[in-house]
Amino acid sequence: MACEHCTGLDGDVLCPYYGHAPHVHTQPVGGTVFVGEPPDNFIPDPDAPGLGTWYCPVCKAGMEGNE
């Protein structure tokens, strides 16, 4: 069940969502660098480097082991 931290102002559930891993841009084009250890609310996609699923940082709803 979604908590107040993973629900938008209109009531839509915002987490979990699929997106880019934590990264920085080192140049305008082609300069994406994925950095450090991912936070505990991000699960990398083993089939797509640089992408993964973000879960709510507070309740982690839907994350394996947090159902």
PDB file of N, CA and C in Angstrom:
ATOM      1  N   MET A   1       0.844  -1.181   0.000  1.00  0.00           N
ATOM      2  CA  MET A   1       0.000   0.000   0.000  1.00  0.00           C
ATOM      3  C   MET A   1       0.884   1.236   0.000  1.00  0.00           C
ATOM      4  N   ALA A   2       0.527   2.210  -0.798  1.00  0.00           N
ATOM      5  CA  ALA A   2       1.317   3.434  -0.938  1.00  0.00           C
ATOM      6  C   ALA A   2       1.195   4.311   0.311  1.00  0.00           C
ATOM      7  N   CYS A   3       2.296   4.948   0.673  1.00  0.00           N
ATOM      8  CA  CYS A   3       2.287   5.869   1.816  1.00  0.00           C
ATOM      9  C   CYS A   3       2.203   7.307   1.296  1.00  0.00           C
ATOM     10  N   GLU A   4       2.146   8.260   2.191  1.00  0.00           N
ATOM     11  CA  GLU A   4       2.041   9.665   1.795  1.00  0.00           C
ATOM     12  C   GLU A   4       3.278  10.152   1.050  1.00  0.00           C
ATOM     13  N   HIS A   5       4.417   9.456   1.191  1.00  0.00           N
ATOM     14  CA  HIS A   5       5.653   9.862   0.539  1.00  0.00           C
ATOM     15  C   HIS A   5       5.762   9.351  -0.895  1.00  0.00           C
ATOM     16  N   CYS A   6       4.989   8.349  -1.256  1.00  0.00           N
ATOM     17  CA  CYS A   6       5.078   7.824  -2.621  1.00  0.00           C
ATOM     18  C   CYS A   6       3.783   8.062  -3.399  1.00  0.00           C
ATOM     19  N   THR A   7       2.974   8.994  -2.918  1.00  0.00           N
ATOM     20  CA  THR A   7       1.737   9.363  -3.599  1.00  0.00           C
ATOM     21  C   THR A   7       1.810  10.843  -3.966  1.00  0.00           C
ATOM     22  N   GLY A   8       1.475  11.158  -5.217  1.00  0.00           N
ATOM     23  CA  GLY A   8       1.514  12.536  -5.671  1.00  0.00           C
ATOM     24  C   GLY A   8       0.349  13.358  -5.129  1.00  0.00           C
ATOM     25  N   LEU A   9       0.376  14.659  -5.391  1.00  0.00           N
ATOM     26  CA  LEU A   9      -0.669  15.559  -4.909  1.00  0.00           C
ATOM     27  C   LEU A   9      -2.048  15.210  -5.444  1.00  0.00           C
ATOM     28  N   ASP A  10      -2.105  14.617  -6.637  1.00  0.00           N
ATOM     29  CA  ASP A  10      -3.384  14.239  -7.228  1.00  0.00           C
ATOM     30  C   ASP A  10      -3.843  12.843  -6.805  1.00  0.00           C
ATOM     31  N   GLY A  11      -3.074  12.194  -5.924  1.00  0.00           N
ATOM     32  CA  GLY A  11      -3.450  10.878  -5.423  1.00  0.00           C
ATOM     33  C   GLY A  11      -2.858   9.715  -6.193  1.00  0.00           C
ATOM     34  N   ASP A  12      -2.171  10.002  -7.311  1.00  0.00           N
ATOM     35  CA  ASP A  12      -1.553   8.930  -8.086  1.00  0.00           C
ATOM     36  C   ASP A  12      -0.330   8.379  -7.356  1.00  0.00           C
ATOM     37  N   VAL A  13      -0.150   7.074  -7.441  1.00  0.00           N
ATOM     38  CA  VAL A  13       1.020   6.438  -6.842  1.00  0.00           C
ATOM     39  C   VAL A  13       2.223   6.701  -7.750  1.00  0.00           C
ATOM     40  N   LEU A  14       3.290   7.260  -7.189  1.00  0.00           N
ATOM     41  CA  LEU A  14       4.477   7.621  -7.962  1.00  0.00           C
ATOM     42  C   LEU A  14       5.570   6.560  -7.928  1.00  0.00           C
ATOM     43  N   CYS A  15       5.554   5.718  -6.936  1.00  0.00           N
ATOM     44  CA  CYS A  15       6.577   4.682  -6.786  1.00  0.00           C
ATOM     45  C   CYS A  15       5.897   3.338  -6.688  1.00  0.00           C
ATOM     46  N   PRO A  16       6.459   2.280  -7.187  1.00  0.00           N
ATOM     47  CA  PRO A  16       7.759   2.229  -7.839  1.00  0.00           C
ATOM     48  C   PRO A  16       7.678   2.712  -9.290  1.00  0.00           C
ATOM     49  N   TYR A  17       8.840   3.091  -9.816  1.00  0.00           N
ATOM     50  CA  TYR A  17       8.921   3.466 -11.226  1.00  0.00           C
ATOM     51  C   TYR A  17      10.261   3.017 -11.784  1.00  0.00           C
ATOM     52  N   TYR A  18      10.294   2.831 -13.090  1.00  0.00           N
ATOM     53  CA  TYR A  18      11.484   2.357 -13.786  1.00  0.00           C
ATOM     54  C   TYR A  18      12.195   3.570 -14.369  1.00  0.00           C
ATOM     55  N   GLY A  19      13.500   3.652 -14.171  1.00  0.00           N
ATOM     56  CA  GLY A  19      14.223   4.802 -14.694  1.00  0.00           C
ATOM     57  C   GLY A  19      15.724   4.648 -14.620  1.00  0.00           C
ATOM     58  N   HIS A  20      16.424   5.763 -14.826  1.00  0.00           N
ATOM     59  CA  HIS A  20      17.885   5.777 -14.824  1.00  0.00           C
ATOM     60  C   HIS A  20      18.450   5.571 -13.418  1.00  0.00           C
ATOM     61  N   ALA A  21      19.584   4.901 -13.379  1.00  0.00           N
ATOM     62  CA  ALA A  21      20.327   4.737 -12.130  1.00  0.00           C
ATOM     63  C   ALA A  21      20.920   6.084 -11.718  1.00  0.00           C
ATOM     64  N   PRO A  22      21.326   6.231 -10.463  1.00  0.00           N
ATOM     65  CA  PRO A  22      21.975   7.479 -10.047  1.00  0.00           C
ATOM     66  C   PRO A  22      23.179   7.760 -10.953  1.00  0.00           C
ATOM     67  N   HIS A  23      23.280   8.997 -11.446  1.00  0.00           N
ATOM     68  CA  HIS A  23      24.341   9.323 -12.389  1.00  0.00           C
ATOM     69  C   HIS A  23      24.650  10.818 -12.366  1.00  0.00           C
ATOM     70  N   VAL A  24      25.758  11.176 -12.993  1.00  0.00           N
ATOM     71  CA  VAL A  24      26.137  12.575 -13.189  1.00  0.00           C
ATOM     72  C   VAL A  24      26.439  12.769 -14.672  1.00  0.00           C
ATOM     73  N   HIS A  25      26.357  14.011 -15.115  1.00  0.00           N
ATOM     74  CA  HIS A  25      26.688  14.347 -16.503  1.00  0.00           C
ATOM     75  C   HIS A  25      28.029  15.072 -16.506  1.00  0.00           C
ATOM     76  N   THR A  26      29.007  14.514 -17.225  1.00  0.00           N
ATOM     77  CA  THR A  26      30.338  15.098 -17.269  1.00  0.00           C
ATOM     78  C   THR A  26      30.547  15.985 -18.493  1.00  0.00           C
ATOM     79  N   GLN A  27      29.676  15.871 -19.487  1.00  0.00           N
ATOM     80  CA  GLN A  27      29.701  16.712 -20.684  1.00  0.00           C
ATOM     81  C   GLN A  27      28.308  16.708 -21.287  1.00  0.00           C
ATOM     82  N   PRO A  28      27.990  17.687 -22.156  1.00  0.00           N
ATOM     83  CA  PRO A  28      26.614  17.800 -22.663  1.00  0.00           C
ATOM     84  C   PRO A  28      26.095  16.568 -23.417  1.00  0.00           C
ATOM     85  N   VAL A  29      26.931  15.911 -24.202  1.00  0.00           N
ATOM     86  CA  VAL A  29      26.485  14.756 -24.980  1.00  0.00           C
ATOM     87  C   VAL A  29      27.433  13.589 -24.717  1.00  0.00           C
ATOM     88  N   GLY A  30      26.868  12.446 -24.379  1.00  0.00           N
ATOM     89  CA  GLY A  30      27.681  11.240 -24.196  1.00  0.00           C
ATOM     90  C   GLY A  30      28.537  11.247 -22.938  1.00  0.00           C
ATOM     91  N   GLY A  31      28.175  12.050 -21.961  1.00  0.00           N
ATOM     92  CA  GLY A  31      28.988  12.130 -20.764  1.00  0.00           C
ATOM     93  C   GLY A  31      28.294  11.640 -19.510  1.00  0.00           C
ATOM     94  N   THR A  32      27.399  10.675 -19.641  1.00  0.00           N
ATOM     95  CA  THR A  32      26.709  10.143 -18.468  1.00  0.00           C
ATOM     96  C   THR A  32      27.605   9.116 -17.783  1.00  0.00           C
ATOM     97  N   VAL A  33      27.819   9.307 -16.483  1.00  0.00           N
ATOM     98  CA  VAL A  33      28.635   8.389 -15.696  1.00  0.00           C
ATOM     99  C   VAL A  33      27.800   7.927 -14.516  1.00  0.00           C
ATOM    100  N   PHE A  34      27.665   6.614 -14.379  1.00  0.00           N
ATOM    101  CA  PHE A  34      26.929   6.054 -13.259  1.00  0.00           C
ATOM    102  C   PHE A  34      27.894   5.924 -12.093  1.00  0.00           C
ATOM    103  N   VAL A  35      27.496   6.475 -10.958  1.00  0.00           N
ATOM    104  CA  VAL A  35      28.433   6.641  -9.848  1.00  0.00           C
ATOM    105  C   VAL A  35      28.014   5.908  -8.582  1.00  0.00           C
ATOM    106  N   GLY A  36      29.008   5.471  -7.827  1.00  0.00           N
ATOM    107  CA  GLY A  36      28.809   4.938  -6.488  1.00  0.00           C
ATOM    108  C   GLY A  36      27.864   3.767  -6.373  1.00  0.00           C
ATOM    109  N   GLU A  37      27.605   3.414  -5.136  1.00  0.00           N
ATOM    110  CA  GLU A  37      26.653   2.355  -4.821  1.00  0.00           C
ATOM    111  C   GLU A  37      25.236   2.922  -4.918  1.00  0.00           C
ATOM    112  N   PRO A  38      24.317   2.166  -5.522  1.00  0.00           N
ATOM    113  CA  PRO A  38      22.934   2.661  -5.599  1.00  0.00           C
ATOM    114  C   PRO A  38      22.307   2.719  -4.205  1.00  0.00           C
ATOM    115  N   PRO A  39      21.374   3.643  -3.997  1.00  0.00           N
ATOM    116  CA  PRO A  39      20.690   3.706  -2.702  1.00  0.00           C
ATOM    117  C   PRO A  39      19.859   2.440  -2.475  1.00  0.00           C
ATOM    118  N   ASP A  40      19.451   2.207  -1.237  1.00  0.00           N
ATOM    119  CA  ASP A  40      18.738   0.970  -0.914  1.00  0.00           C
ATOM    120  C   ASP A  40      17.326   0.915  -1.478  1.00  0.00           C
ATOM    121  N   ASN A  41      16.820   2.001  -2.057  1.00  0.00           N
ATOM    122  CA  ASN A  41      15.491   1.979  -2.673  1.00  0.00           C
ATOM    123  C   ASN A  41      15.575   1.877  -4.199  1.00  0.00           C
ATOM    124  N   PHE A  42      16.732   1.496  -4.735  1.00  0.00           N
ATOM    125  CA  PHE A  42      16.929   1.319  -6.172  1.00  0.00           C
ATOM    126  C   PHE A  42      17.454  -0.082  -6.437  1.00  0.00           C
ATOM    127  N   ILE A  43      16.798  -0.801  -7.370  1.00  0.00           N
ATOM    128  CA  ILE A  43      17.233  -2.140  -7.766  1.00  0.00           C
ATOM    129  C   ILE A  43      17.644  -2.076  -9.238  1.00  0.00           C
ATOM    130  N   PRO A  44      18.948  -2.261  -9.539  1.00  0.00           N
ATOM    131  CA  PRO A  44      19.404  -2.220 -10.927  1.00  0.00           C
ATOM    132  C   PRO A  44      18.774  -3.337 -11.766  1.00  0.00           C
ATOM    133  N   ASP A  45      18.547  -3.050 -13.042  1.00  0.00           N
ATOM    134  CA  ASP A  45      18.020  -4.033 -13.983  1.00  0.00           C
ATOM    135  C   ASP A  45      19.201  -4.810 -14.558  1.00  0.00           C
ATOM    136  N   PRO A  46      19.297  -6.110 -14.325  1.00  0.00           N
ATOM    137  CA  PRO A  46      20.446  -6.872 -14.815  1.00  0.00           C
ATOM    138  C   PRO A  46      20.503  -6.956 -16.339  1.00  0.00           C
ATOM    139  N   ASP A  47      19.385  -6.721 -17.011  1.00  0.00           N
ATOM    140  CA  ASP A  47      19.347  -6.797 -18.471  1.00  0.00           C
ATOM    141  C   ASP A  47      19.542  -5.448 -19.155  1.00  0.00           C
ATOM    142  N   ALA A  48      19.597  -4.358 -18.385  1.00  0.00           N
ATOM    143  CA  ALA A  48      19.725  -3.022 -18.963  1.00  0.00           C
ATOM    144  C   ALA A  48      20.629  -2.165 -18.072  1.00  0.00           C
ATOM    145  N   PRO A  49      21.939  -2.207 -18.298  1.00  0.00           N
ATOM    146  CA  PRO A  49      22.856  -1.421 -17.475  1.00  0.00           C
ATOM    147  C   PRO A  49      22.476   0.065 -17.463  1.00  0.00           C
ATOM    148  N   GLY A  50      22.515   0.646 -16.287  1.00  0.00           N
ATOM    149  CA  GLY A  50      22.183   2.062 -16.138  1.00  0.00           C
ATOM    150  C   GLY A  50      20.718   2.333 -15.877  1.00  0.00           C
ATOM    151  N   LEU A  51      19.903   1.286 -15.850  1.00  0.00           N
ATOM    152  CA  LEU A  51      18.472   1.435 -15.581  1.00  0.00           C
ATOM    153  C   LEU A  51      18.079   0.534 -14.418  1.00  0.00           C
ATOM    154  N   GLY A  52      16.915   0.818 -13.859  1.00  0.00           N
ATOM    155  CA  GLY A  52      16.430  -0.013 -12.773  1.00  0.00           C
ATOM    156  C   GLY A  52      15.128   0.509 -12.207  1.00  0.00           C
ATOM    157  N   THR A  53      14.693  -0.077 -11.126  1.00  0.00           N
ATOM    158  CA  THR A  53      13.425   0.287 -10.501  1.00  0.00           C
ATOM    159  C   THR A  53      13.683   1.049  -9.211  1.00  0.00           C
ATOM    160  N   TRP A  54      13.020   2.206  -9.097  1.00  0.00           N
ATOM    161  CA  TRP A  54      13.077   3.037  -7.896  1.00  0.00           C
ATOM    162  C   TRP A  54      11.839   2.759  -7.055  1.00  0.00           C
ATOM    163  N   TYR A  55      12.033   2.556  -5.771  1.00  0.00           N
ATOM    164  CA  TYR A  55      10.938   2.352  -4.832  1.00  0.00           C
ATOM    165  C   TYR A  55      10.895   3.539  -3.887  1.00  0.00           C
ATOM    166  N   CYS A  56       9.790   3.698  -3.185  1.00  0.00           N
ATOM    167  CA  CYS A  56       9.642   4.786  -2.220  1.00  0.00           C
ATOM    168  C   CYS A  56      10.777   4.685  -1.201  1.00  0.00           C
ATOM    169  N   PRO A  57      11.486   5.797  -0.932  1.00  0.00           N
ATOM    170  CA  PRO A  57      12.584   5.728   0.028  1.00  0.00           C
ATOM    171  C   PRO A  57      12.117   5.539   1.469  1.00  0.00           C
ATOM    172  N   VAL A  58      10.815   5.754   1.745  1.00  0.00           N
ATOM    173  CA  VAL A  58      10.305   5.630   3.109  1.00  0.00           C
ATOM    174  C   VAL A  58       9.708   4.239   3.351  1.00  0.00           C
ATOM    175  N   CYS A  59       8.716   3.846   2.538  1.00  0.00           N
ATOM    176  CA  CYS A  59       8.028   2.572   2.800  1.00  0.00           C
ATOM    177  C   CYS A  59       8.505   1.415   1.928  1.00  0.00           C
ATOM    178  N   LYS A  60       9.168   1.721   0.807  1.00  0.00           N
ATOM    179  CA  LYS A  60       9.669   0.720  -0.137  1.00  0.00           C
ATOM    180  C   LYS A  60       8.557  -0.232  -0.597  1.00  0.00           C
ATOM    181  N   ALA A  61       7.329   0.277  -0.732  1.00  0.00           N
ATOM    182  CA  ALA A  61       6.189  -0.533  -1.149  1.00  0.00           C
ATOM    183  C   ALA A  61       6.472  -1.238  -2.471  1.00  0.00           C
ATOM    184  N   GLY A  62       6.198  -2.547  -2.514  1.00  0.00           N
ATOM    185  CA  GLY A  62       6.375  -3.348  -3.711  1.00  0.00           C
ATOM    186  C   GLY A  62       7.748  -3.954  -3.850  1.00  0.00           C
ATOM    187  N   MET A  63       8.706  -3.503  -3.069  1.00  0.00           N
ATOM    188  CA  MET A  63      10.066  -4.025  -3.141  1.00  0.00           C
ATOM    189  C   MET A  63      10.109  -5.407  -2.503  1.00  0.00           C
ATOM    190  N   GLU A  64      10.811  -6.321  -3.137  1.00  0.00           N
ATOM    191  CA  GLU A  64      10.902  -7.680  -2.615  1.00  0.00           C
ATOM    192  C   GLU A  64      11.415  -7.651  -1.175  1.00  0.00           C
ATOM    193  N   GLY A  65      10.712  -8.343  -0.304  1.00  0.00           N
ATOM    194  CA  GLY A  65      11.064  -8.369   1.107  1.00  0.00           C
ATOM    195  C   GLY A  65      10.406  -7.261   1.919  1.00  0.00           C
ATOM    196  N   ASN A  66       9.706  -6.335   1.258  1.00  0.00           N
ATOM    197  CA  ASN A  66       9.038  -5.230   1.952  1.00  0.00           C
ATOM    198  C   ASN A  66       7.541  -5.203   1.662  1.00  0.00           C
ATOM    199  N   GLU A  67       6.980  -6.320   1.201  1.00  0.00           N
ATOM    200  CA  GLU A  67       5.551  -6.355   0.888  1.00  0.00           C
ATOM    201  C   GLU A  67       4.732  -6.313   2.138  1.00  0.00           C
TER     202      GLU A  67
END
